[in-house]
PDB file of N, CA and C in Angstrom:
ATOM      1  N   MET A   1     -11.470 -50.005  -7.450  1.00  0.00           N
ATOM      2  CA  MET A   1     -11.424 -49.557  -6.113  1.00  0.00           C
ATOM      3  C   MET A   1     -12.468 -48.538  -5.527  1.00  0.00           C
ATOM      4  N   ILE A   2     -13.272 -48.851  -4.574  1.00  0.00           N
ATOM      5  CA  ILE A   2     -14.705 -47.985  -4.454  1.00  0.00           C
ATOM      6  C   ILE A   2     -14.322 -47.260  -3.075  1.00  0.00           C
ATOM      7  N   MET A   3     -13.921 -45.800  -2.402  1.00  0.00           N
ATOM      8  CA  MET A   3     -13.226 -45.540  -1.130  1.00  0.00           C
ATOM      9  C   MET A   3     -14.675 -45.426  -0.248  1.00  0.00           C
ATOM     10  N   SER A   4     -14.132 -45.518   0.972  1.00  0.00           N
ATOM     11  CA  SER A   4     -15.122 -45.371   2.036  1.00  0.00           C
ATOM     12  C   SER A   4     -15.532 -43.982   2.250  1.00  0.00           C
ATOM     13  N   GLU A   5     -16.522 -43.897   2.468  1.00  0.00           N
ATOM     14  CA  GLU A   5     -16.500 -42.035   3.208  1.00  0.00           C
ATOM     15  C   GLU A   5     -15.331 -41.946   3.964  1.00  0.00           C
ATOM     16  N   ALA A   6     -15.422 -42.818   4.840  1.00  0.00           N
ATOM     17  CA  ALA A   6     -14.227 -42.244   5.947  1.00  0.00           C
ATOM     18  C   ALA A   6     -12.970 -41.719   4.836  1.00  0.00           C
ATOM     19  N   ASP A   7     -12.764 -42.808   4.289  1.00  0.00           N
ATOM     20  CA  ASP A   7     -11.453 -42.201   3.354  1.00  0.00           C
ATOM     21  C   ASP A   7     -11.366 -41.052   2.521  1.00  0.00           C
ATOM     22  N   PHE A   8     -12.366 -41.128   2.288  1.00  0.00           N
ATOM     23  CA  PHE A   8     -12.768 -39.835   1.405  1.00  0.00           C
ATOM     24  C   PHE A   8     -12.961 -38.221   1.887  1.00  0.00           C
ATOM     25  N   GLU A   9     -13.417 -38.678   3.291  1.00  0.00           N
ATOM     26  CA  GLU A   9     -13.097 -37.412   3.929  1.00  0.00           C
ATOM     27  C   GLU A   9     -11.587 -37.110   4.539  1.00  0.00           C
ATOM     28  N   ARG A  10     -10.927 -37.811   4.754  1.00  0.00           N
ATOM     29  CA  ARG A  10      -9.752 -37.967   4.978  1.00  0.00           C
ATOM     30  C   ARG A  10      -9.231 -37.117   4.089  1.00  0.00           C
ATOM     31  N   ARG A  11      -9.499 -37.540   2.684  1.00  0.00           N
ATOM     32  CA  ARG A  11      -8.515 -37.215   1.989  1.00  0.00           C
ATOM     33  C   ARG A  11      -9.044 -35.704   1.542  1.00  0.00           C
ATOM     34  N   ILE A  12     -10.364 -35.243   1.518  1.00  0.00           N
ATOM     35  CA  ILE A  12     -10.729 -33.845   1.587  1.00  0.00           C
ATOM     36  C   ILE A  12     -10.451 -33.265   2.348  1.00  0.00           C
ATOM     37  N   PHE A  13      -9.972 -33.874   3.564  1.00  0.00           N
ATOM     38  CA  PHE A  13      -9.520 -32.946   4.419  1.00  0.00           C
ATOM     39  C   PHE A  13      -7.943 -32.374   4.336  1.00  0.00           C
ATOM     40  N   HIS A  14      -7.507 -33.396   4.099  1.00  0.00           N
ATOM     41  CA  HIS A  14      -5.573 -33.609   3.465  1.00  0.00           C
ATOM     42  C   HIS A  14      -5.617 -32.588   2.339  1.00  0.00           C
ATOM     43  N   GLU A  15      -6.250 -32.431   1.298  1.00  0.00           N
ATOM     44  CA  GLU A  15      -6.283 -31.456   0.565  1.00  0.00           C
ATOM     45  C   GLU A  15      -6.475 -29.909   0.786  1.00  0.00           C
ATOM     46  N   LEU A  16      -7.368 -29.795   1.952  1.00  0.00           N
ATOM     47  CA  LEU A  16      -7.756 -28.993   2.571  1.00  0.00           C
ATOM     48  C   LEU A  16      -6.683 -28.134   3.189  1.00  0.00           C
ATOM     49  N   ASP A  17      -6.273 -29.059   4.019  1.00  0.00           N
ATOM     50  CA  ASP A  17      -5.264 -28.702   4.871  1.00  0.00           C
ATOM     51  C   ASP A  17      -3.830 -28.126   3.924  1.00  0.00           C
ATOM     52  N   VAL A  18      -3.377 -29.129   2.396  1.00  0.00           N
ATOM     53  CA  VAL A  18      -2.526 -28.478   1.811  1.00  0.00           C
ATOM     54  C   VAL A  18      -2.737 -27.219   0.994  1.00  0.00           C
ATOM     55  N   ILE A  19      -4.118 -27.292   0.538  1.00  0.00           N
ATOM     56  CA  ILE A  19      -4.972 -25.640  -0.152  1.00  0.00           C
ATOM     57  C   ILE A  19      -4.379 -24.579   1.038  1.00  0.00           C
ATOM     58  N   LYS A  20      -4.395 -24.662   2.628  1.00  0.00           N
ATOM     59  CA  LYS A  20      -4.316 -23.914   3.623  1.00  0.00           C
ATOM     60  C   LYS A  20      -2.779 -23.647   3.323  1.00  0.00           C
ATOM     61  N   ALA A  21      -2.124 -24.359   3.383  1.00  0.00           N
ATOM     62  CA  ALA A  21      -0.553 -24.461   3.326  1.00  0.00           C
ATOM     63  C   ALA A  21      -0.488 -23.544   2.171  1.00  0.00           C
ATOM     64  N   GLU A  22      -1.023 -23.511   1.026  1.00  0.00           N
ATOM     65  CA  GLU A  22      -0.612 -22.990  -0.184  1.00  0.00           C
ATOM     66  C   GLU A  22      -0.803 -21.515  -0.490  1.00  0.00           C
ATOM     67  N   LEU A  23      -2.019 -21.092   0.224  1.00  0.00           N
ATOM     68  CA  LEU A  23      -2.528 -19.726   0.468  1.00  0.00           C
ATOM     69  C   LEU A  23      -1.738 -19.483   1.185  1.00  0.00           C
ATOM     70  N   LYS A  24      -1.207 -19.767   2.581  1.00  0.00           N
ATOM     71  CA  LYS A  24      -0.449 -19.157   3.896  1.00  0.00           C
ATOM     72  C   LYS A  24       0.568 -18.770   2.561  1.00  0.00           C
ATOM     73  N   ASN A  25       1.283 -19.859   2.353  1.00  0.00           N
ATOM     74  CA  ASN A  25       2.840 -19.247   2.011  1.00  0.00           C
ATOM     75  C   ASN A  25       2.452 -18.096   0.314  1.00  0.00           C
ATOM     76  N   ILE A  26       1.658 -18.356  -0.336  1.00  0.00           N
ATOM     77  CA  ILE A  26       1.705 -17.181  -0.912  1.00  0.00           C
ATOM     78  C   ILE A  26       1.138 -15.654  -0.306  1.00  0.00           C
ATOM     79  N   ARG A  27       0.381 -15.764   0.479  1.00  0.00           N
ATOM     80  CA  ARG A  27      -0.527 -14.491   1.624  1.00  0.00           C
ATOM     81  C   ARG A  27       1.187 -14.150   1.849  1.00  0.00           C
ATOM     82  N   GLU A  28       2.078 -15.035   2.121  1.00  0.00           N
ATOM     83  CA  GLU A  28       3.413 -14.384   2.915  1.00  0.00           C
ATOM     84  C   GLU A  28       4.443 -13.823   1.592  1.00  0.00           C
ATOM     85  N   HIS A  29       4.280 -14.318   0.619  1.00  0.00           N
ATOM     86  CA  HIS A  29       5.405 -13.896  -0.076  1.00  0.00           C
ATOM     87  C   HIS A  29       4.622 -12.484  -1.055  1.00  0.00           C
ATOM     88  N   MET A  30       3.474 -12.363  -0.877  1.00  0.00           N
ATOM     89  CA  MET A  30       2.851 -11.553  -1.918  1.00  0.00           C
ATOM     90  C   MET A  30       3.057  -9.855  -1.394  1.00  0.00           C
ATOM     91  N   VAL A  31       3.474  -9.248  -3.114  1.00  0.00           N
ATOM     92  CA  VAL A  31       4.563  -8.154  -3.030  1.00  0.00           C
ATOM     93  C   VAL A  31       3.002  -7.198  -2.901  1.00  0.00           C
ATOM     94  N   ASP A  32       3.161  -6.131  -2.132  1.00  0.00           N
ATOM     95  CA  ASP A  32       2.084  -4.992  -1.640  1.00  0.00           C
ATOM     96  C   ASP A  32       1.968  -4.563  -2.746  1.00  0.00           C
ATOM     97  N   ALA A  33       0.860  -4.033  -3.612  1.00  0.00           N
ATOM     98  CA  ALA A  33       1.054  -2.946  -4.445  1.00  0.00           C
ATOM     99  C   ALA A  33       1.645  -1.461  -4.151  1.00  0.00           C
ATOM    100  N   ASP A  34       1.214  -1.416  -2.844  1.00  0.00           N
ATOM    101  CA  ASP A  34       1.270   0.312  -2.576  1.00  0.00           C
ATOM    102  C   ASP A  34       2.779   0.648  -2.997  1.00  0.00           C
ATOM    103  N   THR A  35       3.795  -0.554  -2.837  1.00  0.00           N
ATOM    104  CA  THR A  35       5.489  -0.194  -2.524  1.00  0.00           C
ATOM    105  C   THR A  35       6.277  -0.262  -4.098  1.00  0.00           C
ATOM    106  N   ILE A  36       5.071  -0.889  -4.892  1.00  0.00           N
ATOM    107  CA  ILE A  36       5.802  -0.822  -6.080  1.00  0.00           C
ATOM    108  C   ILE A  36       5.508   0.822  -6.934  1.00  0.00           C
ATOM    109  N   LEU A  37       6.517   0.877  -7.343  1.00  0.00           N
ATOM    110  CA  LEU A  37       6.669   2.742  -8.175  1.00  0.00           C
ATOM    111  C   LEU A  37       6.595   2.178  -9.366  1.00  0.00           C
ATOM    112  N   SER A  38       5.744   3.486  -9.895  1.00  0.00           N
ATOM    113  CA  SER A  38       5.484   3.446 -11.572  1.00  0.00           C
ATOM    114  C   SER A  38       6.657   4.021 -12.270  1.00  0.00           C
ATOM    115  N   GLU A  39       6.747   3.861 -13.460  1.00  0.00           N
ATOM    116  CA  GLU A  39       7.863   4.186 -14.136  1.00  0.00           C
ATOM    117  C   GLU A  39       8.058   5.698 -14.251  1.00  0.00           C
ATOM    118  N   GLU A  40       7.236   6.386 -14.076  1.00  0.00           N
ATOM    119  CA  GLU A  40       7.207   8.158 -13.363  1.00  0.00           C
ATOM    120  C   GLU A  40       7.838   8.073 -12.307  1.00  0.00           C
ATOM    121  N   GLU A  41       7.422   7.611 -11.433  1.00  0.00           N
ATOM    122  CA  GLU A  41       7.776   7.731 -10.168  1.00  0.00           C
ATOM    123  C   GLU A  41       9.133   7.291  -9.753  1.00  0.00           C
ATOM    124  N   LYS A  42       9.275   6.510 -10.263  1.00  0.00           N
ATOM    125  CA  LYS A  42      10.583   5.486 -10.208  1.00  0.00           C
ATOM    126  C   LYS A  42      11.862   6.747 -10.489  1.00  0.00           C
ATOM    127  N   ILE A  43      11.451   7.441 -11.878  1.00  0.00           N
ATOM    128  CA  ILE A  43      12.058   8.597 -12.238  1.00  0.00           C
ATOM    129  C   ILE A  43      12.479   9.628 -11.509  1.00  0.00           C
ATOM    130  N   LEU A  44      11.251  10.200 -10.765  1.00  0.00           N
ATOM    131  CA  LEU A  44      11.212  11.489  -9.699  1.00  0.00           C
ATOM    132  C   LEU A  44      12.047  11.213  -8.251  1.00  0.00           C
ATOM    133  N   VAL A  45      12.107   9.900  -8.087  1.00  0.00           N
ATOM    134  CA  VAL A  45      12.481   9.080  -6.995  1.00  0.00           C
ATOM    135  C   VAL A  45      14.197   9.398  -7.536  1.00  0.00           C
ATOM    136  N   GLU A  46      14.916   9.001  -8.416  1.00  0.00           N
ATOM    137  CA  GLU A  46      15.731   8.782  -9.128  1.00  0.00           C
ATOM    138  C   GLU A  46      16.569  10.962  -9.263  1.00  0.00           C
ATOM    139  N   GLU A  47      15.578  11.539  -9.704  1.00  0.00           N
ATOM    140  CA  GLU A  47      15.943  12.772  -9.707  1.00  0.00           C
ATOM    141  C   GLU A  47      16.305  13.275  -8.464  1.00  0.00           C
ATOM    142  N   SER A  48      15.459  13.146  -7.296  1.00  0.00           N
ATOM    143  CA  SER A  48      15.531  13.291  -6.281  1.00  0.00           C
ATOM    144  C   SER A  48      16.909  13.051  -5.816  1.00  0.00           C
ATOM    145  N   PHE A  49      17.104  11.902  -5.849  1.00  0.00           N
ATOM    146  CA  PHE A  49      18.252  11.413  -4.851  1.00  0.00           C
ATOM    147  C   PHE A  49      19.674  12.059  -5.544  1.00  0.00           C
ATOM    148  N   LYS A  50      19.601  12.658  -6.954  1.00  0.00           N
ATOM    149  CA  LYS A  50      20.374  13.202  -8.139  1.00  0.00           C
ATOM    150  C   LYS A  50      20.916  14.750  -7.008  1.00  0.00           C
ATOM    151  N   ASN A  51      19.388  15.664  -6.912  1.00  0.00           N
ATOM    152  CA  ASN A  51      19.366  16.787  -6.556  1.00  0.00           C
ATOM    153  C   ASN A  51      19.651  16.475  -5.320  1.00  0.00           C
ATOM    154  N   GLU A  52      19.703  15.823  -4.166  1.00  0.00           N
ATOM    155  CA  GLU A  52      20.262  15.999  -2.769  1.00  0.00           C
ATOM    156  C   GLU A  52      21.849  15.469  -3.109  1.00  0.00           C
ATOM    157  N   LYS A  53      22.665  14.793  -3.646  1.00  0.00           N
ATOM    158  CA  LYS A  53      23.783  15.011  -3.692  1.00  0.00           C
ATOM    159  C   LYS A  53      24.303  16.008  -4.223  1.00  0.00           C
ATOM    160  N   GLU A  54      23.567  16.697  -5.297  1.00  0.00           N
ATOM    161  CA  GLU A  54      23.842  17.841  -6.037  1.00  0.00           C
ATOM    162  C   GLU A  54      23.903  19.201  -4.767  1.00  0.00           C
ATOM    163  N   GLY A  55      23.417  19.203  -4.038  1.00  0.00           N
ATOM    164  CA  GLY A  55      22.793  20.162  -3.223  1.00  0.00           C
ATOM    165  C   GLY A  55      21.360  21.020  -3.217  1.00  0.00           C
ATOM    166  N   LYS A  56      20.517  20.371  -4.239  1.00  0.00           N
ATOM    167  CA  LYS A  56      19.434  21.048  -5.388  1.00  0.00           C
ATOM    168  C   LYS A  56      18.242  20.946  -4.420  1.00  0.00           C
ATOM    169  N   LEU A  57      17.823  20.488  -3.386  1.00  0.00           N
ATOM    170  CA  LEU A  57      16.756  20.097  -2.108  1.00  0.00           C
ATOM    171  C   LEU A  57      16.632  21.528  -1.864  1.00  0.00           C
ATOM    172  N   VAL A  58      15.142  21.669  -1.987  1.00  0.00           N
ATOM    173  CA  VAL A  58      14.703  22.842  -1.381  1.00  0.00           C
ATOM    174  C   VAL A  58      13.715  22.078  -0.466  1.00  0.00           C
ATOM    175  N   LEU A  59      13.863  22.695   0.883  1.00  0.00           N
ATOM    176  CA  LEU A  59      13.130  22.259   2.294  1.00  0.00           C
ATOM    177  C   LEU A  59      12.253  23.487   2.585  1.00  0.00           C
ATOM    178  N   PHE A  60      10.703  23.529   3.004  1.00  0.00           N
ATOM    179  CA  PHE A  60      10.332  23.994   3.488  1.00  0.00           C
ATOM    180  C   PHE A  60       9.974  24.023   5.173  1.00  0.00           C
ATOM    181  N   PRO A  61      10.341  25.200   5.732  1.00  0.00           N
ATOM    182  CA  PRO A  61      10.304  24.931   7.270  1.00  0.00           C
ATOM    183  C   PRO A  61       8.955  25.202   7.662  1.00  0.00           C
ATOM    184  N   ILE A  62       8.691  23.979   8.813  1.00  0.00           N
ATOM    185  CA  ILE A  62       7.082  23.946   9.070  1.00  0.00           C
ATOM    186  C   ILE A  62       6.741  25.702   9.601  1.00  0.00           C
ATOM    187  N   SER A  63       7.948  26.192   9.958  1.00  0.00           N
ATOM    188  CA  SER A  63       7.191  27.809  10.202  1.00  0.00           C
ATOM    189  C   SER A  63       6.291  28.283   8.941  1.00  0.00           C
ATOM    190  N   LYS A  64       6.730  27.889   8.057  1.00  0.00           N
ATOM    191  CA  LYS A  64       5.728  28.451   6.767  1.00  0.00           C
ATOM    192  C   LYS A  64       4.586  27.822   6.706  1.00  0.00           C
ATOM    193  N   ARG A  65       4.212  27.285   7.623  1.00  0.00           N
ATOM    194  CA  ARG A  65       2.872  26.831   7.467  1.00  0.00           C
ATOM    195  C   ARG A  65       1.360  27.799   7.345  1.00  0.00           C
ATOM    196  N   ILE A  66       0.199  27.745   6.953  1.00  0.00           N
ATOM    197  CA  ILE A  66      -0.642  28.877   7.235  1.00  0.00           C
ATOM    198  C   ILE A  66      -1.482  28.020   7.748  1.00  0.00           C
ATOM    199  N   TYR A  67      -1.899  28.997   8.516  1.00  0.00           N
ATOM    200  CA  TYR A  67      -3.034  28.680   9.756  1.00  0.00           C
ATOM    201  C   TYR A  67      -4.066  29.770   9.511  1.00  0.00           C
ATOM    202  N   PHE A  68      -5.197  29.270   9.454  1.00  0.00           N
ATOM    203  CA  PHE A  68      -6.648  30.066   9.381  1.00  0.00           C
ATOM    204  C   PHE A  68      -7.465  30.095  10.768  1.00  0.00           C
ATOM    205  N   GLU A  69      -7.737  31.343  10.423  1.00  0.00           N
ATOM    206  CA  GLU A  69      -8.226  31.498  12.033  1.00  0.00           C
ATOM    207  C   GLU A  69      -9.979  30.834  12.360  1.00  0.00           C
ATOM    208  N   GLU A  70     -10.490  30.707  12.679  1.00  0.00           N
ATOM    209  CA  GLU A  70     -12.100  29.645  12.558  1.00  0.00           C
ATOM    210  C   GLU A  70     -12.705  29.902  11.663  1.00  0.00           C
ATOM    211  N   SER A  71     -12.882  31.574  11.793  1.00  0.00           N
ATOM    212  CA  SER A  71     -14.744  32.201  10.941  1.00  0.00           C
ATOM    213  C   SER A  71     -13.689  32.271   9.257  1.00  0.00           C
ATOM    214  N   GLU A  72     -12.395  32.324   9.317  1.00  0.00           N
ATOM    215  CA  GLU A  72     -12.012  31.904   7.963  1.00  0.00           C
ATOM    216  C   GLU A  72     -11.827  31.206   6.874  1.00  0.00           C
ATOM    217  N   THR A  73     -11.328  29.732   8.141  1.00  0.00           N
ATOM    218  CA  THR A  73     -11.460  28.387   7.722  1.00  0.00           C
ATOM    219  C   THR A  73     -13.584  28.025   7.546  1.00  0.00           C
ATOM    220  N   SER A  74     -14.413  28.616   8.292  1.00  0.00           N
ATOM    221  CA  SER A  74     -15.774  28.293   7.968  1.00  0.00           C
ATOM    222  C   SER A  74     -16.513  28.979   6.402  1.00  0.00           C
ATOM    223  N   SER A  75     -15.610  30.175   5.948  1.00  0.00           N
ATOM    224  CA  SER A  75     -15.977  31.054   5.081  1.00  0.00           C
ATOM    225  C   SER A  75     -15.396  29.812   3.540  1.00  0.00           C
ATOM    226  N   ILE A  76     -14.268  29.693   4.095  1.00  0.00           N
ATOM    227  CA  ILE A  76     -13.277  28.968   2.720  1.00  0.00           C
ATOM    228  C   ILE A  76     -14.232  27.864   2.425  1.00  0.00           C
ATOM    229  N   LEU A  77     -14.681  27.273   3.675  1.00  0.00           N
ATOM    230  CA  LEU A  77     -15.417  25.746   3.485  1.00  0.00           C
ATOM    231  C   LEU A  77     -16.565  25.856   2.728  1.00  0.00           C
ATOM    232  N   ALA A  78     -17.149  27.448   3.226  1.00  0.00           N
ATOM    233  CA  ALA A  78     -19.124  27.528   2.481  1.00  0.00           C
ATOM    234  C   ALA A  78     -18.570  27.645   1.135  1.00  0.00           C
ATOM    235  N   LYS A  79     -17.610  28.456   0.761  1.00  0.00           N
ATOM    236  CA  LYS A  79     -17.248  28.663  -0.624  1.00  0.00           C
ATOM    237  C   LYS A  79     -16.792  27.272  -1.450  1.00  0.00           C
ATOM    238  N   ALA A  80     -16.497  26.285  -0.726  1.00  0.00           N
ATOM    239  CA  ALA A  80     -15.738  25.214  -1.194  1.00  0.00           C
ATOM    240  C   ALA A  80     -16.938  24.364  -2.607  1.00  0.00           C
ATOM    241  N   PRO A  81     -16.474  23.931  -3.614  1.00  0.00           N
ATOM    242  CA  PRO A  81     -17.786  23.223  -4.245  1.00  0.00           C
ATOM    243  C   PRO A  81     -17.781  22.002  -3.705  1.00  0.00           C
ATOM    244  N   SER A  82     -19.322  21.156  -3.817  1.00  0.00           N
ATOM    245  CA  SER A  82     -19.614  20.496  -2.771  1.00  0.00           C
ATOM    246  C   SER A  82     -19.529  19.015  -3.701  1.00  0.00           C
TER     247      SER A  82
END
């Protein structure tokens, strides 16, 4: 059986539609790599929750931030390796 050119084009466009739908489904269900924890990160998170329950967290208040004057920042940047 020989397929006409019009039938061939319809089949190609149908296949493209199927591929587009599959690709859309894959994208919707794809996991963001940045949301996956390594074993080390998982252990750190578990330890953090344990420390929180035991009241062992160390909090650093915002007032402890270090601020530099503009001249100090310039001299620090000048000494920094490039």
